[in-house]
């Protein structure tokens, strides 16, 4: 990733305005030569998926996710509240995501009356790796069906990501679809990763 730095000052914090078009526009312009897009502290709504282009890093102004972050105010970091029905972020070749919280607003397992909800959407993924060298460091994913799906890329790096998901927190599999065998789960400290059986 190039060391060119761009600050996403055109985003609107507060959770009411869809920031996906503005963020995607900035990422696309940076993607022409690569660089780092720095997002100021705040809460940002996303109504559609955001693609991080080749050689671009999307980074929180804090760069290390803090568990003291308030997902309602974003006082101590960057929170993306997602209303997408697919992948929130797609990382292309050598693209990265660092230090953000991703909150899936529509995948709450409780209703307003604190009853179990049937509204969990199996298509919701926080981060989809879709290019060699994609990476995700120090992020948190809350309420996704799958937290980090890196089945479509090689040479990826996943480090110090946290959260809770409904199916798998981390999903990686390098086997060809035609020869893929049934995967198994490894669960530790509430986090789940899937690897192919050899």
N, C-alpha and C. Protein backbone atom coordinates (compact mmCIF):
# COMPACT_ATOMS: atom_id res chain seq x y z
N UNK A 1 0.83 -1.19 0.00
CA UNK A 1 0.00 0.00 0.00
C UNK A 1 0.87 1.25 0.00
N UNK A 2 0.55 2.18 -0.86
CA UNK A 2 1.27 3.44 -0.93
C UNK A 2 1.07 4.23 0.37
N UNK A 3 2.01 5.11 0.68
CA UNK A 3 1.91 5.92 1.90
C UNK A 3 1.16 7.23 1.67
N UNK A 4 0.59 7.42 0.50
CA UNK A 4 -0.23 8.62 0.27
C UNK A 4 -1.42 8.57 1.21
N UNK A 5 -1.72 9.70 1.88
CA UNK A 5 -2.77 9.74 2.90
C UNK A 5 -3.89 10.67 2.48
N UNK A 6 -5.12 10.18 2.61
CA UNK A 6 -6.31 10.97 2.29
C UNK A 6 -7.27 10.89 3.47
N UNK A 7 -7.83 12.01 3.88
CA UNK A 7 -8.76 12.03 5.01
C UNK A 7 -10.19 12.15 4.47
N UNK A 8 -11.06 11.26 4.95
CA UNK A 8 -12.44 11.21 4.47
C UNK A 8 -13.30 12.25 5.18
N UNK A 9 -13.05 13.52 4.90
CA UNK A 9 -13.76 14.60 5.58
C UNK A 9 -15.18 14.82 5.07
N UNK A 10 -15.53 14.21 3.94
CA UNK A 10 -16.86 14.43 3.35
C UNK A 10 -17.91 13.47 3.88
N UNK A 11 -17.53 12.59 4.80
CA UNK A 11 -18.51 11.66 5.38
C UNK A 11 -19.33 12.37 6.45
N UNK A 12 -20.56 11.91 6.65
CA UNK A 12 -21.46 12.51 7.63
C UNK A 12 -21.69 11.54 8.77
N UNK A 13 -21.23 11.90 9.96
CA UNK A 13 -21.39 11.05 11.14
C UNK A 13 -22.79 11.21 11.71
N UNK A 14 -23.19 10.23 12.52
CA UNK A 14 -24.48 10.30 13.19
C UNK A 14 -25.38 9.12 12.91
N UNK A 15 -25.14 8.39 11.82
CA UNK A 15 -25.90 7.19 11.53
C UNK A 15 -27.15 7.37 10.71
N UNK A 16 -27.48 8.60 10.32
CA UNK A 16 -28.72 8.84 9.57
C UNK A 16 -28.48 8.92 8.06
N UNK A 17 -27.30 9.36 7.65
CA UNK A 17 -27.00 9.58 6.23
C UNK A 17 -26.21 8.41 5.67
N UNK A 18 -26.61 7.94 4.48
CA UNK A 18 -25.88 6.87 3.81
C UNK A 18 -24.55 7.41 3.29
N UNK A 19 -23.44 6.87 3.83
CA UNK A 19 -22.11 7.33 3.43
C UNK A 19 -21.45 6.46 2.38
N UNK A 20 -22.13 5.39 1.95
CA UNK A 20 -21.50 4.48 0.99
C UNK A 20 -21.10 5.17 -0.31
N UNK A 21 -21.95 6.00 -0.94
CA UNK A 21 -21.53 6.64 -2.19
C UNK A 21 -20.31 7.55 -2.03
N UNK A 22 -20.29 8.37 -0.97
CA UNK A 22 -19.17 9.30 -0.77
C UNK A 22 -17.88 8.53 -0.47
N UNK A 23 -17.98 7.48 0.37
CA UNK A 23 -16.80 6.70 0.70
C UNK A 23 -16.29 5.95 -0.52
N UNK A 24 -17.20 5.37 -1.29
CA UNK A 24 -16.78 4.64 -2.49
C UNK A 24 -16.13 5.56 -3.50
N UNK A 25 -16.66 6.76 -3.65
CA UNK A 25 -16.06 7.72 -4.57
C UNK A 25 -14.64 8.07 -4.19
N UNK A 26 -14.40 8.32 -2.90
CA UNK A 26 -13.05 8.63 -2.44
C UNK A 26 -12.11 7.44 -2.64
N UNK A 27 -12.57 6.25 -2.27
CA UNK A 27 -11.74 5.05 -2.44
C UNK A 27 -11.38 4.84 -3.90
N UNK A 28 -12.33 5.04 -4.79
CA UNK A 28 -12.06 4.87 -6.22
C UNK A 28 -11.01 5.85 -6.72
N UNK A 29 -11.08 7.10 -6.25
CA UNK A 29 -10.10 8.09 -6.70
C UNK A 29 -8.71 7.77 -6.15
N UNK A 30 -8.63 7.29 -4.93
CA UNK A 30 -7.34 6.91 -4.34
C UNK A 30 -6.80 5.65 -5.02
N UNK A 31 -7.72 4.80 -5.45
CA UNK A 31 -7.32 3.52 -6.05
C UNK A 31 -6.53 3.64 -7.33
N UNK A 32 -6.58 4.79 -7.96
CA UNK A 32 -5.83 4.96 -9.20
C UNK A 32 -4.33 4.82 -8.97
N UNK A 33 -3.84 5.29 -7.82
CA UNK A 33 -2.41 5.18 -7.50
C UNK A 33 -2.14 4.47 -6.18
N UNK A 34 -3.19 4.17 -5.40
CA UNK A 34 -3.01 3.52 -4.11
C UNK A 34 -2.80 4.54 -3.01
N UNK A 35 -3.05 4.11 -1.77
CA UNK A 35 -2.85 5.00 -0.63
C UNK A 35 -3.71 4.59 0.55
N UNK A 36 -3.72 5.44 1.56
CA UNK A 36 -4.45 5.18 2.80
C UNK A 36 -5.58 6.20 2.92
N UNK A 37 -6.79 5.70 3.16
CA UNK A 37 -7.94 6.56 3.42
C UNK A 37 -8.23 6.51 4.91
N UNK A 38 -8.09 7.65 5.58
CA UNK A 38 -8.27 7.76 7.02
C UNK A 38 -9.66 8.31 7.32
N UNK A 39 -10.43 7.57 8.13
CA UNK A 39 -11.78 7.99 8.47
C UNK A 39 -11.79 8.61 9.86
N UNK A 40 -12.28 9.83 10.02
CA UNK A 40 -12.33 10.46 11.35
C UNK A 40 -13.28 9.71 12.28
N UNK A 41 -13.06 9.87 13.60
CA UNK A 41 -13.96 9.26 14.58
C UNK A 41 -15.40 9.60 14.27
N UNK A 42 -16.30 8.63 14.46
CA UNK A 42 -17.71 8.88 14.24
C UNK A 42 -18.47 7.61 13.93
N UNK A 43 -19.78 7.77 13.74
CA UNK A 43 -20.67 6.66 13.38
C UNK A 43 -21.16 6.92 11.97
N UNK A 44 -20.93 5.98 11.06
CA UNK A 44 -21.23 6.18 9.65
C UNK A 44 -22.14 5.07 9.14
N UNK A 45 -23.24 5.47 8.55
CA UNK A 45 -24.19 4.51 7.99
C UNK A 45 -23.76 4.10 6.59
N UNK A 46 -23.93 2.80 6.28
CA UNK A 46 -23.67 2.28 4.94
C UNK A 46 -24.90 1.49 4.49
N UNK A 47 -25.51 1.91 3.38
CA UNK A 47 -26.68 1.21 2.86
C UNK A 47 -26.35 0.24 1.74
N UNK A 48 -25.11 0.26 1.27
CA UNK A 48 -24.69 -0.64 0.20
C UNK A 48 -23.24 -1.03 0.41
N UNK A 49 -22.80 -2.13 -0.23
CA UNK A 49 -21.42 -2.58 -0.05
C UNK A 49 -20.40 -1.54 -0.51
N UNK A 50 -19.23 -1.56 0.13
CA UNK A 50 -18.12 -0.68 -0.23
C UNK A 50 -16.94 -1.54 -0.66
N UNK A 51 -16.39 -1.25 -1.83
CA UNK A 51 -15.25 -2.00 -2.36
C UNK A 51 -13.98 -1.19 -2.13
N UNK A 52 -13.01 -1.81 -1.46
CA UNK A 52 -11.71 -1.17 -1.25
C UNK A 52 -10.82 -1.63 -2.41
N UNK A 53 -10.41 -0.71 -3.30
CA UNK A 53 -9.67 -1.10 -4.51
C UNK A 53 -8.27 -1.63 -4.22
N UNK A 54 -7.64 -2.16 -5.26
CA UNK A 54 -6.27 -2.65 -5.16
C UNK A 54 -5.36 -1.59 -4.54
N UNK A 55 -4.51 -2.03 -3.61
CA UNK A 55 -3.46 -1.20 -3.02
C UNK A 55 -3.98 0.00 -2.22
N UNK A 56 -5.20 -0.13 -1.69
CA UNK A 56 -5.77 0.93 -0.85
C UNK A 56 -6.07 0.36 0.53
N UNK A 57 -5.78 1.13 1.56
CA UNK A 57 -6.11 0.74 2.93
C UNK A 57 -7.15 1.72 3.48
N UNK A 58 -8.24 1.18 4.03
CA UNK A 58 -9.24 1.98 4.72
C UNK A 58 -8.97 1.84 6.21
N UNK A 59 -8.69 2.97 6.86
CA UNK A 59 -8.20 2.93 8.24
C UNK A 59 -8.98 3.89 9.12
N UNK A 60 -9.27 3.43 10.33
CA UNK A 60 -9.85 4.30 11.35
C UNK A 60 -8.81 5.32 11.77
N UNK A 61 -9.27 6.49 12.19
CA UNK A 61 -8.34 7.50 12.70
C UNK A 61 -7.60 6.99 13.92
N UNK A 62 -8.17 5.98 14.57
CA UNK A 62 -7.52 5.42 15.75
C UNK A 62 -6.56 4.30 15.39
N UNK A 63 -6.82 3.59 14.32
CA UNK A 63 -6.04 2.49 13.76
C UNK A 63 -5.96 1.25 14.66
N UNK A 64 -6.24 1.40 15.94
CA UNK A 64 -6.37 0.25 16.84
C UNK A 64 -7.75 0.33 17.45
N UNK A 65 -8.56 -0.68 17.18
CA UNK A 65 -9.93 -0.64 17.69
C UNK A 65 -9.92 -0.67 19.21
N UNK A 66 -10.70 0.20 19.81
CA UNK A 66 -10.79 0.28 21.28
C UNK A 66 -12.11 -0.29 21.74
N UNK A 67 -12.10 -1.14 22.74
CA UNK A 67 -13.33 -1.71 23.27
C UNK A 67 -14.14 -0.66 24.03
N UNK A 68 -13.57 0.52 24.23
CA UNK A 68 -14.33 1.59 24.87
C UNK A 68 -15.14 2.38 23.84
N UNK A 69 -15.02 1.99 22.56
CA UNK A 69 -15.80 2.68 21.52
C UNK A 69 -17.28 2.58 21.83
N UNK A 70 -17.98 3.67 21.67
CA UNK A 70 -19.43 3.69 21.82
C UNK A 70 -20.03 3.59 20.43
N UNK A 71 -20.78 2.51 20.15
CA UNK A 71 -21.28 2.33 18.79
C UNK A 71 -22.38 3.34 18.44
N UNK A 72 -22.81 4.12 19.40
CA UNK A 72 -23.82 5.14 19.12
C UNK A 72 -23.20 6.50 18.82
N UNK A 73 -22.02 6.78 19.38
CA UNK A 73 -21.41 8.10 19.16
C UNK A 73 -20.10 8.03 18.39
N UNK A 74 -19.41 6.88 18.42
CA UNK A 74 -18.12 6.78 17.76
C UNK A 74 -17.08 7.68 18.39
N UNK A 75 -17.26 8.00 19.66
CA UNK A 75 -16.39 8.96 20.34
C UNK A 75 -14.92 8.56 20.29
N UNK A 76 -14.65 7.26 20.44
CA UNK A 76 -13.25 6.82 20.52
C UNK A 76 -12.81 6.00 19.30
N UNK A 77 -13.45 6.18 18.18
CA UNK A 77 -13.06 5.42 17.00
C UNK A 77 -14.10 5.52 15.89
N UNK A 78 -14.01 4.60 14.95
CA UNK A 78 -14.89 4.60 13.78
C UNK A 78 -15.84 3.41 13.85
N UNK A 79 -17.13 3.71 13.73
CA UNK A 79 -18.16 2.67 13.71
C UNK A 79 -18.92 2.78 12.39
N UNK A 80 -18.99 1.68 11.65
CA UNK A 80 -19.81 1.61 10.45
C UNK A 80 -21.06 0.81 10.80
N UNK A 81 -22.23 1.45 10.73
CA UNK A 81 -23.49 0.75 10.93
C UNK A 81 -23.99 0.36 9.55
N UNK A 82 -24.07 -0.94 9.31
CA UNK A 82 -24.38 -1.41 7.96
C UNK A 82 -25.81 -1.89 7.84
N UNK A 83 -26.43 -1.49 6.74
CA UNK A 83 -27.78 -1.93 6.37
C UNK A 83 -27.74 -2.70 5.06
N UNK A 84 -26.56 -3.18 4.69
CA UNK A 84 -26.43 -3.93 3.44
C UNK A 84 -27.02 -5.33 3.61
N UNK A 85 -27.29 -5.98 2.50
CA UNK A 85 -27.80 -7.34 2.54
C UNK A 85 -26.79 -8.32 1.95
N UNK A 86 -25.54 -7.88 1.86
CA UNK A 86 -24.48 -8.77 1.36
C UNK A 86 -23.21 -8.45 2.13
N UNK A 87 -22.10 -8.24 1.43
CA UNK A 87 -20.83 -7.91 2.08
C UNK A 87 -20.79 -6.42 2.40
N UNK A 88 -20.38 -6.07 3.63
CA UNK A 88 -20.23 -4.65 3.94
C UNK A 88 -19.01 -4.08 3.24
N UNK A 89 -17.85 -4.75 3.39
CA UNK A 89 -16.62 -4.33 2.72
C UNK A 89 -16.09 -5.48 1.87
N UNK A 90 -15.64 -5.16 0.67
CA UNK A 90 -14.97 -6.12 -0.21
C UNK A 90 -13.56 -5.61 -0.43
N UNK A 91 -12.56 -6.43 -0.10
CA UNK A 91 -11.16 -6.03 -0.22
C UNK A 91 -10.55 -6.65 -1.47
N UNK A 92 -10.09 -5.80 -2.37
CA UNK A 92 -9.43 -6.27 -3.58
C UNK A 92 -7.96 -6.58 -3.31
N UNK A 93 -7.17 -6.75 -4.36
CA UNK A 93 -5.78 -7.17 -4.22
C UNK A 93 -4.96 -6.17 -3.41
N UNK A 94 -4.28 -6.68 -2.38
CA UNK A 94 -3.44 -5.86 -1.49
C UNK A 94 -4.21 -4.72 -0.83
N UNK A 95 -5.50 -4.87 -0.67
CA UNK A 95 -6.32 -3.87 0.00
C UNK A 95 -6.49 -4.27 1.46
N UNK A 96 -6.70 -3.26 2.34
CA UNK A 96 -6.79 -3.56 3.76
C UNK A 96 -7.85 -2.76 4.49
N UNK A 97 -8.23 -3.28 5.65
CA UNK A 97 -9.16 -2.62 6.56
C UNK A 97 -8.56 -2.67 7.95
N UNK A 98 -8.44 -1.51 8.61
CA UNK A 98 -7.72 -1.45 9.89
C UNK A 98 -8.49 -0.61 10.91
N UNK A 99 -8.77 -1.20 12.07
CA UNK A 99 -9.21 -0.46 13.24
C UNK A 99 -10.64 0.02 13.28
N UNK A 100 -11.57 -0.64 12.58
CA UNK A 100 -12.96 -0.17 12.58
C UNK A 100 -13.88 -1.18 13.28
N UNK A 101 -15.06 -0.70 13.66
CA UNK A 101 -16.12 -1.55 14.16
C UNK A 101 -17.22 -1.59 13.11
N UNK A 102 -17.73 -2.79 12.82
CA UNK A 102 -18.82 -2.96 11.86
C UNK A 102 -20.01 -3.54 12.61
N UNK A 103 -21.11 -2.81 12.58
CA UNK A 103 -22.30 -3.18 13.35
C UNK A 103 -23.44 -3.47 12.38
N UNK A 104 -23.95 -4.70 12.38
CA UNK A 104 -25.02 -5.09 11.46
C UNK A 104 -26.37 -4.78 12.12
N UNK A 105 -26.94 -3.65 11.75
CA UNK A 105 -28.13 -3.13 12.43
C UNK A 105 -29.35 -4.01 12.24
N UNK A 106 -29.48 -4.66 11.10
CA UNK A 106 -30.69 -5.45 10.82
C UNK A 106 -30.59 -6.88 11.32
N UNK A 107 -29.45 -7.27 11.86
CA UNK A 107 -29.29 -8.65 12.32
C UNK A 107 -29.35 -8.77 13.84
N UNK A 108 -30.21 -8.00 14.45
CA UNK A 108 -30.38 -8.09 15.90
C UNK A 108 -31.19 -9.34 16.19
N UNK A 109 -30.68 -10.18 17.10
CA UNK A 109 -31.39 -11.43 17.39
C UNK A 109 -32.53 -11.24 18.37
N UNK A 110 -32.69 -10.02 18.90
CA UNK A 110 -33.82 -9.75 19.78
C UNK A 110 -34.73 -8.69 19.16
N UNK A 111 -36.02 -8.86 19.37
CA UNK A 111 -36.97 -7.85 18.92
C UNK A 111 -37.05 -6.75 19.97
N UNK A 112 -37.83 -5.72 19.68
CA UNK A 112 -37.99 -4.62 20.64
C UNK A 112 -38.59 -5.11 21.95
N UNK A 113 -39.31 -6.24 21.90
CA UNK A 113 -39.93 -6.80 23.12
C UNK A 113 -39.02 -7.84 23.77
N UNK A 114 -37.73 -7.87 23.37
CA UNK A 114 -36.75 -8.82 23.90
C UNK A 114 -37.13 -10.27 23.65
N UNK A 115 -37.80 -10.51 22.53
CA UNK A 115 -38.09 -11.88 22.10
C UNK A 115 -37.10 -12.25 21.00
N UNK A 116 -36.85 -13.56 20.84
CA UNK A 116 -35.94 -13.98 19.78
C UNK A 116 -36.50 -13.61 18.42
N UNK A 117 -35.61 -13.07 17.58
CA UNK A 117 -36.00 -12.63 16.24
C UNK A 117 -35.67 -13.72 15.23
N UNK A 118 -36.42 -13.76 14.14
CA UNK A 118 -36.11 -14.67 13.04
C UNK A 118 -35.50 -13.91 11.88
N UNK A 119 -34.99 -12.71 12.15
CA UNK A 119 -34.55 -11.83 11.08
C UNK A 119 -33.08 -11.89 10.73
N UNK A 120 -32.36 -12.92 11.18
CA UNK A 120 -30.94 -13.01 10.84
C UNK A 120 -30.81 -13.35 9.36
N UNK A 121 -30.00 -12.57 8.64
CA UNK A 121 -29.88 -12.74 7.20
C UNK A 121 -28.59 -13.49 6.86
N UNK A 122 -28.69 -14.69 6.28
CA UNK A 122 -27.50 -15.50 6.03
C UNK A 122 -26.56 -14.92 4.99
N UNK A 123 -26.95 -13.85 4.31
CA UNK A 123 -26.07 -13.25 3.30
C UNK A 123 -25.15 -12.19 3.89
N UNK A 124 -25.38 -11.77 5.11
CA UNK A 124 -24.61 -10.66 5.69
C UNK A 124 -23.19 -11.09 6.09
N UNK A 125 -22.20 -10.42 5.51
CA UNK A 125 -20.79 -10.65 5.84
C UNK A 125 -20.15 -9.28 6.07
N UNK A 126 -19.33 -9.18 7.12
CA UNK A 126 -18.67 -7.90 7.39
C UNK A 126 -17.60 -7.58 6.36
N UNK A 127 -16.67 -8.52 6.16
CA UNK A 127 -15.54 -8.26 5.27
C UNK A 127 -15.33 -9.46 4.36
N UNK A 128 -15.30 -9.22 3.06
CA UNK A 128 -15.05 -10.27 2.06
C UNK A 128 -13.72 -9.99 1.39
N UNK A 129 -12.75 -10.90 1.58
CA UNK A 129 -11.48 -10.80 0.86
C UNK A 129 -11.67 -11.29 -0.56
N UNK A 130 -11.29 -10.47 -1.55
CA UNK A 130 -11.54 -10.83 -2.94
C UNK A 130 -10.33 -10.53 -3.82
N UNK A 131 -9.14 -10.66 -3.24
CA UNK A 131 -7.93 -10.44 -4.00
C UNK A 131 -6.72 -10.87 -3.21
N UNK A 132 -5.70 -11.35 -3.89
CA UNK A 132 -4.48 -11.80 -3.21
C UNK A 132 -3.88 -10.67 -2.38
N UNK A 133 -3.42 -11.01 -1.19
CA UNK A 133 -2.78 -10.01 -0.34
C UNK A 133 -3.72 -9.15 0.46
N UNK A 134 -5.02 -9.42 0.42
CA UNK A 134 -5.98 -8.64 1.22
C UNK A 134 -5.70 -8.84 2.69
N UNK A 135 -5.97 -7.82 3.52
CA UNK A 135 -5.67 -7.95 4.95
C UNK A 135 -6.68 -7.17 5.80
N UNK A 136 -6.85 -7.65 7.03
CA UNK A 136 -7.73 -6.99 8.00
C UNK A 136 -7.08 -7.10 9.37
N UNK A 137 -6.80 -5.95 10.00
CA UNK A 137 -6.15 -5.89 11.31
C UNK A 137 -7.03 -5.14 12.30
N UNK A 138 -7.13 -5.65 13.50
CA UNK A 138 -7.69 -4.93 14.65
C UNK A 138 -9.07 -4.32 14.38
N UNK A 139 -9.96 -5.12 13.82
CA UNK A 139 -11.33 -4.69 13.57
C UNK A 139 -12.28 -5.45 14.49
N UNK A 140 -13.50 -4.94 14.60
CA UNK A 140 -14.54 -5.67 15.31
C UNK A 140 -15.76 -5.79 14.42
N UNK A 141 -16.36 -7.00 14.41
CA UNK A 141 -17.57 -7.27 13.64
C UNK A 141 -18.64 -7.75 14.61
N UNK A 142 -19.80 -7.09 14.60
CA UNK A 142 -20.88 -7.44 15.52
C UNK A 142 -22.15 -7.73 14.73
N UNK A 143 -22.70 -8.93 14.91
CA UNK A 143 -24.00 -9.26 14.34
C UNK A 143 -24.01 -9.73 12.91
N UNK A 144 -22.84 -10.03 12.33
CA UNK A 144 -22.81 -10.55 10.96
C UNK A 144 -23.14 -12.04 10.97
N UNK A 145 -23.60 -12.55 9.84
CA UNK A 145 -23.76 -13.99 9.70
C UNK A 145 -22.36 -14.62 9.62
N UNK A 146 -21.47 -14.02 8.81
CA UNK A 146 -20.06 -14.39 8.76
C UNK A 146 -19.26 -13.11 8.97
N UNK A 147 -18.31 -13.13 9.88
CA UNK A 147 -17.51 -11.94 10.13
C UNK A 147 -16.55 -11.62 9.00
N UNK A 148 -15.60 -12.54 8.75
CA UNK A 148 -14.56 -12.33 7.75
C UNK A 148 -14.51 -13.54 6.84
N UNK A 149 -14.85 -13.35 5.57
CA UNK A 149 -14.85 -14.43 4.59
C UNK A 149 -13.70 -14.20 3.61
N UNK A 150 -12.65 -15.00 3.77
CA UNK A 150 -11.47 -14.87 2.92
C UNK A 150 -11.27 -16.14 2.09
N UNK A 151 -12.37 -16.77 1.70
CA UNK A 151 -12.28 -17.99 0.90
C UNK A 151 -11.88 -17.71 -0.55
N UNK A 152 -12.01 -16.46 -0.99
CA UNK A 152 -11.76 -16.14 -2.40
C UNK A 152 -10.40 -15.51 -2.64
N UNK A 153 -9.48 -15.60 -1.69
CA UNK A 153 -8.18 -14.98 -1.91
C UNK A 153 -7.07 -15.76 -1.20
N UNK A 154 -5.86 -15.62 -1.71
CA UNK A 154 -4.68 -16.24 -1.13
C UNK A 154 -3.76 -15.16 -0.57
N UNK A 155 -2.79 -15.60 0.23
CA UNK A 155 -1.79 -14.71 0.82
C UNK A 155 -2.41 -13.58 1.62
N UNK A 156 -3.54 -13.86 2.26
CA UNK A 156 -4.21 -12.84 3.06
C UNK A 156 -3.68 -12.85 4.49
N UNK A 157 -3.96 -11.77 5.22
CA UNK A 157 -3.56 -11.68 6.62
C UNK A 157 -4.76 -11.22 7.43
N UNK A 158 -5.11 -11.98 8.45
CA UNK A 158 -6.15 -11.61 9.41
C UNK A 158 -5.49 -11.60 10.78
N UNK A 159 -5.54 -10.45 11.45
CA UNK A 159 -4.82 -10.35 12.72
C UNK A 159 -5.61 -9.49 13.71
N UNK A 160 -5.81 -10.05 14.91
CA UNK A 160 -6.41 -9.31 16.03
C UNK A 160 -7.77 -8.72 15.70
N UNK A 161 -8.61 -9.51 15.03
CA UNK A 161 -9.99 -9.10 14.78
C UNK A 161 -10.89 -9.72 15.83
N UNK A 162 -11.93 -9.01 16.25
CA UNK A 162 -12.78 -9.45 17.34
C UNK A 162 -14.24 -9.36 16.94
N UNK A 163 -15.09 -10.03 17.70
CA UNK A 163 -16.51 -9.87 17.47
C UNK A 163 -17.32 -11.12 17.71
N UNK A 164 -18.55 -11.08 17.22
CA UNK A 164 -19.48 -12.19 17.37
C UNK A 164 -20.29 -12.29 16.08
N UNK A 165 -20.52 -13.52 15.63
CA UNK A 165 -21.28 -13.73 14.40
C UNK A 165 -22.21 -14.93 14.58
N UNK A 166 -23.16 -15.05 13.66
CA UNK A 166 -24.17 -16.10 13.78
C UNK A 166 -23.73 -17.44 13.23
N UNK A 167 -22.83 -17.46 12.25
CA UNK A 167 -22.36 -18.73 11.69
C UNK A 167 -20.88 -18.91 12.00
N UNK A 168 -20.03 -18.20 11.30
CA UNK A 168 -18.58 -18.28 11.51
C UNK A 168 -18.00 -16.88 11.60
N UNK A 169 -17.09 -16.72 12.50
CA UNK A 169 -16.44 -15.42 12.62
C UNK A 169 -15.39 -15.25 11.54
N UNK A 170 -14.58 -16.28 11.31
CA UNK A 170 -13.58 -16.26 10.24
C UNK A 170 -13.78 -17.50 9.38
N UNK A 171 -13.84 -17.30 8.08
CA UNK A 171 -14.06 -18.40 7.14
C UNK A 171 -12.97 -18.34 6.09
N UNK A 172 -12.09 -19.35 6.07
CA UNK A 172 -11.03 -19.41 5.07
C UNK A 172 -10.98 -20.82 4.51
N UNK A 173 -10.77 -20.93 3.21
CA UNK A 173 -10.77 -22.22 2.55
C UNK A 173 -10.12 -22.04 1.19
N UNK A 174 -9.00 -22.72 0.98
CA UNK A 174 -8.28 -22.57 -0.29
C UNK A 174 -8.58 -23.68 -1.28
N UNK A 175 -9.46 -24.61 -0.92
CA UNK A 175 -9.72 -25.74 -1.81
C UNK A 175 -10.62 -25.33 -2.96
N UNK A 176 -10.45 -25.99 -4.09
CA UNK A 176 -11.28 -25.75 -5.25
C UNK A 176 -12.71 -26.18 -4.95
N UNK A 177 -13.69 -25.44 -5.48
CA UNK A 177 -15.09 -25.72 -5.16
C UNK A 177 -15.48 -27.13 -5.58
N UNK A 178 -14.88 -27.63 -6.67
CA UNK A 178 -15.27 -28.95 -7.17
C UNK A 178 -14.71 -30.07 -6.31
N UNK A 179 -13.65 -29.79 -5.55
CA UNK A 179 -13.05 -30.83 -4.72
C UNK A 179 -13.19 -30.54 -3.23
N UNK A 180 -13.93 -29.49 -2.92
CA UNK A 180 -14.06 -29.09 -1.53
C UNK A 180 -14.79 -30.15 -0.71
N UNK A 181 -14.23 -30.49 0.43
CA UNK A 181 -14.88 -31.42 1.33
C UNK A 181 -15.58 -30.65 2.43
N UNK A 182 -16.37 -31.35 3.18
CA UNK A 182 -17.10 -30.71 4.27
C UNK A 182 -16.10 -30.09 5.25
N UNK A 183 -16.25 -28.81 5.56
CA UNK A 183 -15.31 -28.17 6.49
C UNK A 183 -15.64 -28.50 7.94
N UNK A 184 -14.70 -28.21 8.80
CA UNK A 184 -14.98 -28.35 10.22
C UNK A 184 -14.74 -27.03 10.92
N UNK A 185 -15.32 -26.86 12.07
CA UNK A 185 -15.22 -25.61 12.81
C UNK A 185 -14.25 -25.73 13.96
N UNK A 186 -13.51 -24.66 14.19
CA UNK A 186 -12.69 -24.54 15.39
C UNK A 186 -13.25 -23.36 16.17
N UNK A 187 -13.71 -23.60 17.37
CA UNK A 187 -14.30 -22.54 18.17
C UNK A 187 -13.44 -22.33 19.41
N UNK A 188 -13.03 -21.13 19.64
CA UNK A 188 -12.24 -20.80 20.83
C UNK A 188 -12.60 -19.40 21.27
N UNK A 189 -12.92 -19.24 22.53
CA UNK A 189 -13.28 -17.93 23.09
C UNK A 189 -14.43 -17.30 22.32
N UNK A 190 -15.35 -18.14 21.81
CA UNK A 190 -16.51 -17.62 21.11
C UNK A 190 -16.28 -17.28 19.65
N UNK A 191 -15.05 -17.43 19.16
CA UNK A 191 -14.76 -17.12 17.77
C UNK A 191 -14.63 -18.41 16.99
N UNK A 192 -15.09 -18.42 15.76
CA UNK A 192 -15.11 -19.64 14.97
C UNK A 192 -14.37 -19.42 13.66
N UNK A 193 -13.54 -20.37 13.32
CA UNK A 193 -12.84 -20.32 12.03
C UNK A 193 -13.06 -21.64 11.32
N UNK A 194 -13.15 -21.63 10.01
CA UNK A 194 -13.41 -22.84 9.24
C UNK A 194 -12.26 -23.10 8.30
N UNK A 195 -11.76 -24.34 8.30
CA UNK A 195 -10.69 -24.73 7.44
C UNK A 195 -11.11 -26.00 6.69
N UNK A 196 -10.60 -26.25 5.50
CA UNK A 196 -10.96 -27.49 4.80
C UNK A 196 -10.28 -28.70 5.43
N UNK A 197 -10.97 -29.81 5.41
CA UNK A 197 -10.36 -31.07 5.85
C UNK A 197 -9.42 -31.53 4.76
N UNK A 198 -8.22 -31.90 5.12
CA UNK A 198 -7.24 -32.36 4.13
C UNK A 198 -7.47 -33.82 3.78
